[in-house]
PDB file of N, CA and C in Angstrom:
ATOM      1  N   MET A   1      46.249 -39.023 -57.657  1.00  0.00           N
ATOM      2  CA  MET A   1      45.391 -40.325 -57.884  1.00  0.00           C
ATOM      3  C   MET A   1      45.864 -40.979 -59.089  1.00  0.00           C
ATOM      4  N   ASP A   2      46.175 -42.181 -58.991  1.00  0.00           N
ATOM      5  CA  ASP A   2      46.785 -42.920 -60.143  1.00  0.00           C
ATOM      6  C   ASP A   2      45.680 -43.607 -61.154  1.00  0.00           C
ATOM      7  N   GLY A   3      46.092 -44.004 -62.169  1.00  0.00           N
ATOM      8  CA  GLY A   3      45.171 -44.477 -63.269  1.00  0.00           C
ATOM      9  C   GLY A   3      44.293 -45.707 -62.936  1.00  0.00           C
ATOM     10  N   ARG A   4      44.889 -46.524 -62.125  1.00  0.00           N
ATOM     11  CA  ARG A   4      44.028 -47.597 -61.686  1.00  0.00           C
ATOM     12  C   ARG A   4      42.796 -47.239 -60.737  1.00  0.00           C
ATOM     13  N   ARG A   5      43.101 -46.305 -59.853  1.00  0.00           N
ATOM     14  CA  ARG A   5      42.041 -45.728 -59.057  1.00  0.00           C
ATOM     15  C   ARG A   5      40.920 -44.967 -59.775  1.00  0.00           C
ATOM     16  N   ILE A   6      41.551 -44.251 -60.746  1.00  0.00           N
ATOM     17  CA  ILE A   6      40.500 -43.532 -61.607  1.00  0.00           C
ATOM     18  C   ILE A   6      39.669 -44.489 -62.337  1.00  0.00           C
ATOM     19  N   MET A   7      40.325 -45.485 -62.920  1.00  0.00           N
ATOM     20  CA  MET A   7      39.509 -46.425 -63.715  1.00  0.00           C
ATOM     21  C   MET A   7      38.431 -47.292 -62.811  1.00  0.00           C
ATOM     22  N   ALA A   8      38.954 -47.659 -61.589  1.00  0.00           N
ATOM     23  CA  ALA A   8      37.917 -48.088 -60.682  1.00  0.00           C
ATOM     24  C   ALA A   8      36.791 -47.171 -60.288  1.00  0.00           C
ATOM     25  N   LEU A   9      37.082 -45.901 -60.190  1.00  0.00           N
ATOM     26  CA  LEU A   9      36.012 -44.957 -59.897  1.00  0.00           C
ATOM     27  C   LEU A   9      35.113 -44.860 -61.133  1.00  0.00           C
ATOM     28  N   MET A  10      35.533 -45.024 -62.363  1.00  0.00           N
ATOM     29  CA  MET A  10      34.762 -44.991 -63.560  1.00  0.00           C
ATOM     30  C   MET A  10      33.831 -46.255 -63.627  1.00  0.00           C
ATOM     31  N   ARG A  11      34.336 -47.344 -63.292  1.00  0.00           N
ATOM     32  CA  ARG A  11      33.514 -48.587 -63.278  1.00  0.00           C
ATOM     33  C   ARG A  11      32.567 -48.616 -62.089  1.00  0.00           C
ATOM     34  N   GLU A  12      32.954 -48.305 -60.830  1.00  0.00           N
ATOM     35  CA  GLU A  12      32.146 -48.591 -59.699  1.00  0.00           C
ATOM     36  C   GLU A  12      31.640 -47.364 -58.965  1.00  0.00           C
ATOM     37  N   GLY A  13      32.026 -46.301 -59.239  1.00  0.00           N
ATOM     38  CA  GLY A  13      31.721 -45.086 -58.645  1.00  0.00           C
ATOM     39  C   GLY A  13      30.441 -44.459 -58.959  1.00  0.00           C
ATOM     40  N   ARG A  14      29.991 -43.504 -58.192  1.00  0.00           N
ATOM     41  CA  ARG A  14      28.787 -42.807 -58.372  1.00  0.00           C
ATOM     42  C   ARG A  14      28.993 -41.559 -59.247  1.00  0.00           C
ATOM     43  N   VAL A  15      28.154 -41.387 -60.154  1.00  0.00           N
ATOM     44  CA  VAL A  15      28.415 -40.246 -61.163  1.00  0.00           C
ATOM     45  C   VAL A  15      27.343 -39.164 -60.810  1.00  0.00           C
ATOM     46  N   SER A  16      27.750 -37.910 -60.810  1.00  0.00           N
ATOM     47  CA  SER A  16      26.818 -36.820 -60.791  1.00  0.00           C
ATOM     48  C   SER A  16      27.280 -35.574 -61.611  1.00  0.00           C
ATOM     49  N   PHE A  17      26.366 -34.809 -62.167  1.00  0.00           N
ATOM     50  CA  PHE A  17      26.719 -33.751 -63.102  1.00  0.00           C
ATOM     51  C   PHE A  17      26.256 -32.552 -62.290  1.00  0.00           C
ATOM     52  N   HIS A  18      27.109 -31.499 -62.447  1.00  0.00           N
ATOM     53  CA  HIS A  18      26.886 -30.180 -62.110  1.00  0.00           C
ATOM     54  C   HIS A  18      27.591 -29.207 -63.069  1.00  0.00           C
ATOM     55  N   TYR A  19      26.956 -28.852 -64.141  1.00  0.00           N
ATOM     56  CA  TYR A  19      27.541 -28.275 -65.254  1.00  0.00           C
ATOM     57  C   TYR A  19      28.574 -27.146 -64.587  1.00  0.00           C
ATOM     58  N   PRO A  20      29.682 -27.068 -65.103  1.00  0.00           N
ATOM     59  CA  PRO A  20      30.507 -27.734 -66.129  1.00  0.00           C
ATOM     60  C   PRO A  20      31.274 -28.911 -65.564  1.00  0.00           C
ATOM     61  N   LEU A  21      30.835 -29.461 -64.527  1.00  0.00           N
ATOM     62  CA  LEU A  21      31.638 -30.587 -63.917  1.00  0.00           C
ATOM     63  C   LEU A  21      30.882 -31.958 -63.942  1.00  0.00           C
ATOM     64  N   LYS A  22      31.755 -32.989 -64.120  1.00  0.00           N
ATOM     65  CA  LYS A  22      31.173 -34.377 -64.078  1.00  0.00           C
ATOM     66  C   LYS A  22      31.994 -34.972 -62.805  1.00  0.00           C
ATOM     67  N   VAL A  23      31.320 -35.422 -61.864  1.00  0.00           N
ATOM     68  CA  VAL A  23      32.059 -35.985 -60.666  1.00  0.00           C
ATOM     69  C   VAL A  23      31.848 -37.480 -60.567  1.00  0.00           C
ATOM     70  N   LEU A  24      32.911 -38.100 -60.206  1.00  0.00           N
ATOM     71  CA  LEU A  24      32.893 -39.625 -60.003  1.00  0.00           C
ATOM     72  C   LEU A  24      33.340 -39.743 -58.504  1.00  0.00           C
ATOM     73  N   SER A  25      32.576 -40.470 -57.643  1.00  0.00           N
ATOM     74  CA  SER A  25      32.834 -40.551 -56.179  1.00  0.00           C
ATOM     75  C   SER A  25      32.597 -42.008 -55.841  1.00  0.00           C
ATOM     76  N   ALA A  26      33.477 -42.384 -54.737  1.00  0.00           N
ATOM     77  CA  ALA A  26      33.285 -43.675 -54.142  1.00  0.00           C
ATOM     78  C   ALA A  26      33.934 -43.692 -52.760  1.00  0.00           C
ATOM     79  N   PRO A  27      33.481 -44.535 -51.857  1.00  0.00           N
ATOM     80  CA  PRO A  27      34.132 -44.503 -50.509  1.00  0.00           C
ATOM     81  C   PRO A  27      35.626 -44.891 -50.695  1.00  0.00           C
ATOM     82  N   GLY A  28      36.349 -44.201 -49.924  1.00  0.00           N
ATOM     83  CA  GLY A  28      37.812 -44.400 -50.024  1.00  0.00           C
ATOM     84  C   GLY A  28      38.652 -43.585 -49.058  1.00  0.00           C
ATOM     85  N   THR A  29      39.783 -43.250 -49.500  1.00  0.00           N
ATOM     86  CA  THR A  29      40.735 -42.586 -48.642  1.00  0.00           C
ATOM     87  C   THR A  29      40.728 -41.046 -48.641  1.00  0.00           C
ATOM     88  N   GLY A  30      39.868 -40.412 -49.554  1.00  0.00           N
ATOM     89  CA  GLY A  30      39.792 -39.062 -49.588  1.00  0.00           C
ATOM     90  C   GLY A  30      40.659 -38.399 -50.623  1.00  0.00           C
ATOM     91  N   ASP A  31      41.078 -39.275 -51.656  1.00  0.00           N
ATOM     92  CA  ASP A  31      42.001 -38.574 -52.653  1.00  0.00           C
ATOM     93  C   ASP A  31      41.072 -37.727 -53.644  1.00  0.00           C
ATOM     94  N   PHE A  32      41.666 -36.770 -54.225  1.00  0.00           N
ATOM     95  CA  PHE A  32      40.976 -35.903 -55.109  1.00  0.00           C
ATOM     96  C   PHE A  32      41.849 -35.680 -56.465  1.00  0.00           C
ATOM     97  N   GLY A  33      41.017 -35.726 -57.634  1.00  0.00           N
ATOM     98  CA  GLY A  33      41.739 -35.637 -58.887  1.00  0.00           C
ATOM     99  C   GLY A  33      40.916 -34.793 -59.783  1.00  0.00           C
ATOM    100  N   VAL A  34      41.518 -34.126 -60.825  1.00  0.00           N
ATOM    101  CA  VAL A  34      40.847 -33.464 -61.787  1.00  0.00           C
ATOM    102  C   VAL A  34      41.308 -33.873 -63.212  1.00  0.00           C
ATOM    103  N   SER A  35      40.461 -33.496 -64.110  1.00  0.00           N
ATOM    104  CA  SER A  35      40.784 -33.716 -65.485  1.00  0.00           C
ATOM    105  C   SER A  35      40.165 -32.709 -66.443  1.00  0.00           C
ATOM    106  N   VAL A  36      40.910 -32.181 -67.428  1.00  0.00           N
ATOM    107  CA  VAL A  36      40.257 -31.341 -68.513  1.00  0.00           C
ATOM    108  C   VAL A  36      40.720 -32.018 -69.741  1.00  0.00           C
ATOM    109  N   PRO A  37      39.736 -32.243 -70.850  1.00  0.00           N
ATOM    110  CA  PRO A  37      39.987 -32.893 -71.930  1.00  0.00           C
ATOM    111  C   PRO A  37      40.754 -31.966 -72.948  1.00  0.00           C
ATOM    112  N   LYS A  38      41.640 -32.673 -73.559  1.00  0.00           N
ATOM    113  CA  LYS A  38      42.604 -32.152 -74.590  1.00  0.00           C
ATOM    114  C   LYS A  38      41.797 -31.971 -75.774  1.00  0.00           C
ATOM    115  N   ARG A  39      40.718 -32.571 -75.939  1.00  0.00           N
ATOM    116  CA  ARG A  39      39.918 -32.595 -77.141  1.00  0.00           C
ATOM    117  C   ARG A  39      39.257 -31.264 -77.340  1.00  0.00           C
ATOM    118  N   HIS A  40      38.797 -30.757 -76.156  1.00  0.00           N
ATOM    119  CA  HIS A  40      38.081 -29.399 -76.273  1.00  0.00           C
ATOM    120  C   HIS A  40      39.029 -28.207 -75.985  1.00  0.00           C
ATOM    121  N   PHE A  41      40.193 -28.456 -75.294  1.00  0.00           N
ATOM    122  CA  PHE A  41      41.110 -27.435 -74.981  1.00  0.00           C
ATOM    123  C   PHE A  41      42.420 -27.797 -75.489  1.00  0.00           C
ATOM    124  N   LYS A  42      42.757 -27.324 -76.667  1.00  0.00           N
ATOM    125  CA  LYS A  42      44.131 -27.833 -77.368  1.00  0.00           C
ATOM    126  C   LYS A  42      45.320 -27.238 -76.548  1.00  0.00           C
ATOM    127  N   ARG A  43      45.206 -26.005 -76.109  1.00  0.00           N
ATOM    128  CA  ARG A  43      46.433 -25.353 -75.461  1.00  0.00           C
ATOM    129  C   ARG A  43      46.388 -25.692 -74.016  1.00  0.00           C
ATOM    130  N   ALA A  44      47.664 -26.124 -73.580  1.00  0.00           N
ATOM    131  CA  ALA A  44      47.844 -26.607 -72.234  1.00  0.00           C
ATOM    132  C   ALA A  44      47.580 -25.456 -71.223  1.00  0.00           C
ATOM    133  N   VAL A  45      47.763 -24.145 -71.653  1.00  0.00           N
ATOM    134  CA  VAL A  45      47.494 -22.965 -70.786  1.00  0.00           C
ATOM    135  C   VAL A  45      46.046 -23.065 -70.274  1.00  0.00           C
ATOM    136  N   LYS A  46      45.048 -23.215 -71.173  1.00  0.00           N
ATOM    137  CA  LYS A  46      43.639 -23.222 -70.803  1.00  0.00           C
ATOM    138  C   LYS A  46      43.392 -24.349 -69.901  1.00  0.00           C
ATOM    139  N   ARG A  47      43.872 -25.676 -70.361  1.00  0.00           N
ATOM    140  CA  ARG A  47      43.645 -26.850 -69.507  1.00  0.00           C
ATOM    141  C   ARG A  47      44.281 -26.610 -68.027  1.00  0.00           C
ATOM    142  N   ASN A  48      45.376 -26.079 -67.866  1.00  0.00           N
ATOM    143  CA  ASN A  48      46.069 -25.802 -66.580  1.00  0.00           C
ATOM    144  C   ASN A  48      45.194 -24.741 -65.784  1.00  0.00           C
ATOM    145  N   LEU A  49      44.674 -23.700 -66.473  1.00  0.00           N
ATOM    146  CA  LEU A  49      43.866 -22.704 -65.824  1.00  0.00           C
ATOM    147  C   LEU A  49      42.598 -23.386 -65.225  1.00  0.00           C
ATOM    148  N   LEU A  50      42.014 -24.147 -65.858  1.00  0.00           N
ATOM    149  CA  LEU A  50      40.748 -24.754 -65.490  1.00  0.00           C
ATOM    150  C   LEU A  50      41.034 -25.722 -64.299  1.00  0.00           C
ATOM    151  N   LYS A  51      42.169 -26.508 -64.485  1.00  0.00           N
ATOM    152  CA  LYS A  51      42.522 -27.420 -63.380  1.00  0.00           C
ATOM    153  C   LYS A  51      42.838 -26.637 -61.984  1.00  0.00           C
ATOM    154  N   ARG A  52      43.502 -25.534 -62.227  1.00  0.00           N
ATOM    155  CA  ARG A  52      43.750 -24.661 -60.927  1.00  0.00           C
ATOM    156  C   ARG A  52      42.571 -24.184 -60.358  1.00  0.00           C
ATOM    157  N   ARG A  53      41.594 -23.823 -61.296  1.00  0.00           N
ATOM    158  CA  ARG A  53      40.273 -23.291 -60.710  1.00  0.00           C
ATOM    159  C   ARG A  53      39.485 -24.344 -59.928  1.00  0.00           C
ATOM    160  N   MET A  54      39.552 -25.566 -60.495  1.00  0.00           N
ATOM    161  CA  MET A  54      38.710 -26.636 -59.844  1.00  0.00           C
ATOM    162  C   MET A  54      39.384 -27.056 -58.514  1.00  0.00           C
ATOM    163  N   ARG A  55      40.800 -27.144 -58.552  1.00  0.00           N
ATOM    164  CA  ARG A  55      41.496 -27.427 -57.344  1.00  0.00           C
ATOM    165  C   ARG A  55      41.313 -26.435 -56.219  1.00  0.00           C
ATOM    166  N   GLU A  56      41.318 -25.132 -56.552  1.00  0.00           N
ATOM    167  CA  GLU A  56      41.215 -24.095 -55.705  1.00  0.00           C
ATOM    168  C   GLU A  56      39.754 -23.977 -55.025  1.00  0.00           C
ATOM    169  N   ALA A  57      38.744 -24.168 -55.892  1.00  0.00           N
ATOM    170  CA  ALA A  57      37.439 -24.270 -55.436  1.00  0.00           C
ATOM    171  C   ALA A  57      37.239 -25.492 -54.418  1.00  0.00           C
ATOM    172  N   TRP A  58      37.823 -26.571 -54.647  1.00  0.00           N
ATOM    173  CA  TRP A  58      37.709 -27.764 -53.992  1.00  0.00           C
ATOM    174  C   TRP A  58      38.467 -27.454 -52.454  1.00  0.00           C
ATOM    175  N   ARG A  59      39.740 -26.858 -52.607  1.00  0.00           N
ATOM    176  CA  ARG A  59      40.580 -26.587 -51.473  1.00  0.00           C
ATOM    177  C   ARG A  59      39.730 -25.603 -50.470  1.00  0.00           C
ATOM    178  N   LEU A  60      39.057 -24.566 -50.947  1.00  0.00           N
ATOM    179  CA  LEU A  60      38.380 -23.629 -50.138  1.00  0.00           C
ATOM    180  C   LEU A  60      37.058 -24.089 -49.589  1.00  0.00           C
ATOM    181  N   ASN A  61      36.447 -24.987 -50.301  1.00  0.00           N
ATOM    182  CA  ASN A  61      35.198 -25.380 -49.856  1.00  0.00           C
ATOM    183  C   ASN A  61      35.001 -26.826 -49.251  1.00  0.00           C
ATOM    184  N   ALA A  62      35.930 -27.667 -49.541  1.00  0.00           N
ATOM    185  CA  ALA A  62      35.741 -29.144 -49.041  1.00  0.00           C
ATOM    186  C   ALA A  62      35.871 -29.283 -47.396  1.00  0.00           C
ATOM    187  N   PRO A  63      35.049 -30.063 -46.887  1.00  0.00           N
ATOM    188  CA  PRO A  63      35.176 -30.237 -45.530  1.00  0.00           C
ATOM    189  C   PRO A  63      36.404 -31.049 -45.145  1.00  0.00           C
ATOM    190  N   GLU A  64      36.805 -30.970 -43.983  1.00  0.00           N
ATOM    191  CA  GLU A  64      37.969 -31.780 -43.412  1.00  0.00           C
ATOM    192  C   GLU A  64      37.590 -33.210 -43.281  1.00  0.00           C
ATOM    193  N   GLY A  65      38.539 -34.075 -43.440  1.00  0.00           N
ATOM    194  CA  GLY A  65      38.283 -35.486 -43.354  1.00  0.00           C
ATOM    195  C   GLY A  65      37.236 -36.223 -44.232  1.00  0.00           C
ATOM    196  N   ILE A  66      37.047 -35.734 -45.452  1.00  0.00           N
ATOM    197  CA  ILE A  66      36.037 -36.337 -46.303  1.00  0.00           C
ATOM    198  C   ILE A  66      36.434 -37.847 -46.518  1.00  0.00           C
ATOM    199  N   ALA A  67      35.549 -38.714 -46.430  1.00  0.00           N
ATOM    200  CA  ALA A  67      35.950 -40.184 -46.602  1.00  0.00           C
ATOM    201  C   ALA A  67      35.616 -40.801 -47.826  1.00  0.00           C
ATOM    202  N   CYS A  68      35.777 -40.126 -48.955  1.00  0.00           N
ATOM    203  CA  CYS A  68      35.567 -40.641 -50.207  1.00  0.00           C
ATOM    204  C   CYS A  68      36.531 -40.165 -51.336  1.00  0.00           C
ATOM    205  N   ASP A  69      36.824 -40.991 -52.402  1.00  0.00           N
ATOM    206  CA  ASP A  69      37.513 -40.648 -53.466  1.00  0.00           C
ATOM    207  C   ASP A  69      36.836 -39.798 -54.438  1.00  0.00           C
ATOM    208  N   VAL A  70      37.397 -38.771 -54.862  1.00  0.00           N
ATOM    209  CA  VAL A  70      36.664 -37.831 -55.801  1.00  0.00           C
ATOM    210  C   VAL A  70      37.451 -37.571 -57.098  1.00  0.00           C
ATOM    211  N   PHE A  71      36.769 -37.682 -58.188  1.00  0.00           N
ATOM    212  CA  PHE A  71      37.492 -37.296 -59.443  1.00  0.00           C
ATOM    213  C   PHE A  71      36.589 -36.414 -60.240  1.00  0.00           C
ATOM    214  N   VAL A  72      37.041 -35.288 -60.577  1.00  0.00           N
ATOM    215  CA  VAL A  72      36.236 -34.259 -61.219  1.00  0.00           C
ATOM    216  C   VAL A  72      36.694 -34.068 -62.663  1.00  0.00           C
ATOM    217  N   GLN A  73      35.797 -34.157 -63.613  1.00  0.00           N
ATOM    218  CA  GLN A  73      36.068 -33.981 -64.999  1.00  0.00           C
ATOM    219  C   GLN A  73      35.350 -32.701 -65.528  1.00  0.00           C
ATOM    220  N   TYR A  74      36.031 -31.802 -66.208  1.00  0.00           N
ATOM    221  CA  TYR A  74      35.436 -30.651 -66.748  1.00  0.00           C
ATOM    222  C   TYR A  74      34.775 -30.976 -68.189  1.00  0.00           C
ATOM    223  N   ILE A  75      33.494 -30.889 -68.122  1.00  0.00           N
ATOM    224  CA  ILE A  75      32.671 -31.278 -69.385  1.00  0.00           C
ATOM    225  C   ILE A  75      32.273 -30.078 -70.187  1.00  0.00           C
ATOM    226  N   GLY A  76      32.517 -28.848 -69.856  1.00  0.00           N
ATOM    227  CA  GLY A  76      32.101 -27.640 -70.523  1.00  0.00           C
ATOM    228  C   GLY A  76      32.950 -27.525 -71.884  1.00  0.00           C
ATOM    229  N   LYS A  77      32.446 -26.843 -72.783  1.00  0.00           N
ATOM    230  CA  LYS A  77      33.139 -26.588 -74.077  1.00  0.00           C
ATOM    231  C   LYS A  77      33.962 -25.183 -74.224  1.00  0.00           C
ATOM    232  N   GLN A  78      33.640 -24.451 -73.187  1.00  0.00           N
ATOM    233  CA  GLN A  78      34.448 -23.126 -73.021  1.00  0.00           C
ATOM    234  C   GLN A  78      34.832 -22.912 -71.658  1.00  0.00           C
ATOM    235  N   VAL A  79      35.846 -21.960 -71.596  1.00  0.00           N
ATOM    236  CA  VAL A  79      36.402 -21.686 -70.239  1.00  0.00           C
ATOM    237  C   VAL A  79      35.380 -20.817 -69.423  1.00  0.00           C
ATOM    238  N   GLU A  80      34.920 -21.448 -68.356  1.00  0.00           N
ATOM    239  CA  GLU A  80      34.049 -20.717 -67.378  1.00  0.00           C
ATOM    240  C   GLU A  80      34.872 -19.910 -66.399  1.00  0.00           C
ATOM    241  N   ASP A  81      34.252 -18.781 -65.754  1.00  0.00           N
ATOM    242  CA  ASP A  81      35.111 -18.003 -64.853  1.00  0.00           C
ATOM    243  C   ASP A  81      34.968 -18.933 -63.514  1.00  0.00           C
ATOM    244  N   TYR A  82      35.932 -18.427 -62.628  1.00  0.00           N
ATOM    245  CA  TYR A  82      35.949 -19.008 -61.303  1.00  0.00           C
ATOM    246  C   TYR A  82      34.658 -19.102 -60.484  1.00  0.00           C
ATOM    247  N   GLY A  83      33.915 -18.132 -60.609  1.00  0.00           N
ATOM    248  CA  GLY A  83      32.793 -18.046 -59.842  1.00  0.00           C
ATOM    249  C   GLY A  83      31.839 -19.139 -60.280  1.00  0.00           C
ATOM    250  N   ARG A  84      31.601 -19.511 -61.529  1.00  0.00           N
ATOM    251  CA  ARG A  84      30.784 -20.478 -62.029  1.00  0.00           C
ATOM    252  C   ARG A  84      31.349 -21.864 -61.588  1.00  0.00           C
ATOM    253  N   ILE A  85      32.579 -22.050 -61.571  1.00  0.00           N
ATOM    254  CA  ILE A  85      33.262 -23.324 -61.300  1.00  0.00           C
ATOM    255  C   ILE A  85      33.112 -23.584 -59.753  1.00  0.00           C
ATOM    256  N   GLU A  86      33.286 -22.505 -58.959  1.00  0.00           N
ATOM    257  CA  GLU A  86      33.087 -22.578 -57.461  1.00  0.00           C
ATOM    258  C   GLU A  86      31.598 -22.970 -57.204  1.00  0.00           C
ATOM    259  N   LYS A  87      30.666 -22.403 -57.749  1.00  0.00           N
ATOM    260  CA  LYS A  87      29.280 -22.565 -57.545  1.00  0.00           C
ATOM    261  C   LYS A  87      29.002 -24.168 -57.878  1.00  0.00           C
ATOM    262  N   SER A  88      29.552 -24.641 -58.909  1.00  0.00           N
ATOM    263  CA  SER A  88      29.306 -26.020 -59.156  1.00  0.00           C
ATOM    264  C   SER A  88      29.932 -26.984 -58.251  1.00  0.00           C
ATOM    265  N   MET A  89      31.213 -26.485 -57.718  1.00  0.00           N
ATOM    266  CA  MET A  89      31.902 -27.363 -56.894  1.00  0.00           C
ATOM    267  C   MET A  89      31.340 -27.345 -55.443  1.00  0.00           C
ATOM    268  N   VAL A  90      30.616 -26.348 -54.987  1.00  0.00           N
ATOM    269  CA  VAL A  90      29.840 -26.177 -53.705  1.00  0.00           C
ATOM    270  C   VAL A  90      28.736 -27.255 -53.928  1.00  0.00           C
ATOM    271  N   ALA A  91      27.973 -27.228 -54.989  1.00  0.00           N
ATOM    272  CA  ALA A  91      26.951 -28.119 -55.121  1.00  0.00           C
ATOM    273  C   ALA A  91      27.464 -29.701 -55.201  1.00  0.00           C
ATOM    274  N   VAL A  92      28.612 -29.828 -55.709  1.00  0.00           N
ATOM    275  CA  VAL A  92      29.180 -31.248 -55.648  1.00  0.00           C
ATOM    276  C   VAL A  92      29.492 -31.644 -54.129  1.00  0.00           C
ATOM    277  N   ILE A  93      29.944 -30.670 -53.518  1.00  0.00           N
ATOM    278  CA  ILE A  93      30.444 -31.048 -52.028  1.00  0.00           C
ATOM    279  C   ILE A  93      29.178 -31.237 -51.315  1.00  0.00           C
ATOM    280  N   ALA A  94      28.042 -30.576 -51.658  1.00  0.00           N
ATOM    281  CA  ALA A  94      26.890 -30.754 -50.870  1.00  0.00           C
ATOM    282  C   ALA A  94      26.243 -32.088 -51.157  1.00  0.00           C
ATOM    283  N   ASP A  95      26.379 -32.541 -52.448  1.00  0.00           N
ATOM    284  CA  ASP A  95      25.882 -33.700 -52.845  1.00  0.00           C
ATOM    285  C   ASP A  95      26.783 -35.053 -52.077  1.00  0.00           C
ATOM    286  N   LEU A  96      28.069 -34.814 -52.003  1.00  0.00           N
ATOM    287  CA  LEU A  96      29.039 -35.673 -51.418  1.00  0.00           C
ATOM    288  C   LEU A  96      28.624 -35.816 -49.964  1.00  0.00           C
ATOM    289  N   ALA A  97      28.410 -34.694 -49.198  1.00  0.00           N
ATOM    290  CA  ALA A  97      27.881 -34.730 -47.861  1.00  0.00           C
ATOM    291  C   ALA A  97      26.629 -35.462 -47.656  1.00  0.00           C
ATOM    292  N   ALA A  98      25.698 -35.108 -48.553  1.00  0.00           N
ATOM    293  CA  ALA A  98      24.426 -35.866 -48.446  1.00  0.00           C
ATOM    294  C   ALA A  98      24.547 -37.414 -48.662  1.00  0.00           C
ATOM    295  N   GLY A  99      25.446 -37.826 -49.572  1.00  0.00           N
ATOM    296  CA  GLY A  99      25.763 -39.148 -49.845  1.00  0.00           C
ATOM    297  C   GLY A  99      26.301 -39.960 -48.774  1.00  0.00           C
ATOM    298  N   GLN A 100      27.276 -39.158 -47.959  1.00  0.00           N
ATOM    299  CA  GLN A 100      27.860 -39.781 -46.854  1.00  0.00           C
ATOM    300  C   GLN A 100      26.903 -39.897 -45.668  1.00  0.00           C
ATOM    301  N   ALA A 101      25.815 -39.044 -45.546  1.00  0.00           N
ATOM    302  CA  ALA A 101      24.872 -39.170 -44.462  1.00  0.00           C
ATOM    303  C   ALA A 101      24.003 -40.293 -44.590  1.00  0.00           C
ATOM    304  N   ASP A 102      23.844 -40.762 -45.922  1.00  0.00           N
ATOM    305  CA  ASP A 102      22.936 -42.029 -46.110  1.00  0.00           C
ATOM    306  C   ASP A 102      23.376 -43.326 -45.532  1.00  0.00           C
TER     307      ASP A 102
END
């Protein structure tokens, strides 16, 4: 997902929070992106760990053929375990599915 599409999601997308995740979504092609702030996690090792956990939770739980662009930001101040991230991602996916049904 490139910078222009992320900025468009920030301007026009729907925002939801499921701690420790902030989710921006809008109808689109089904692209998915993640972000972890350098402000809270100075070491790239921790940022990459959290990004891997978010991507894996999405990969295992997302339905096929989702018709919206999704950008997930990690807003937590500490590293959460995979179970917590997956629980939040499942809630995110449920919200997206409910939003598409509307």
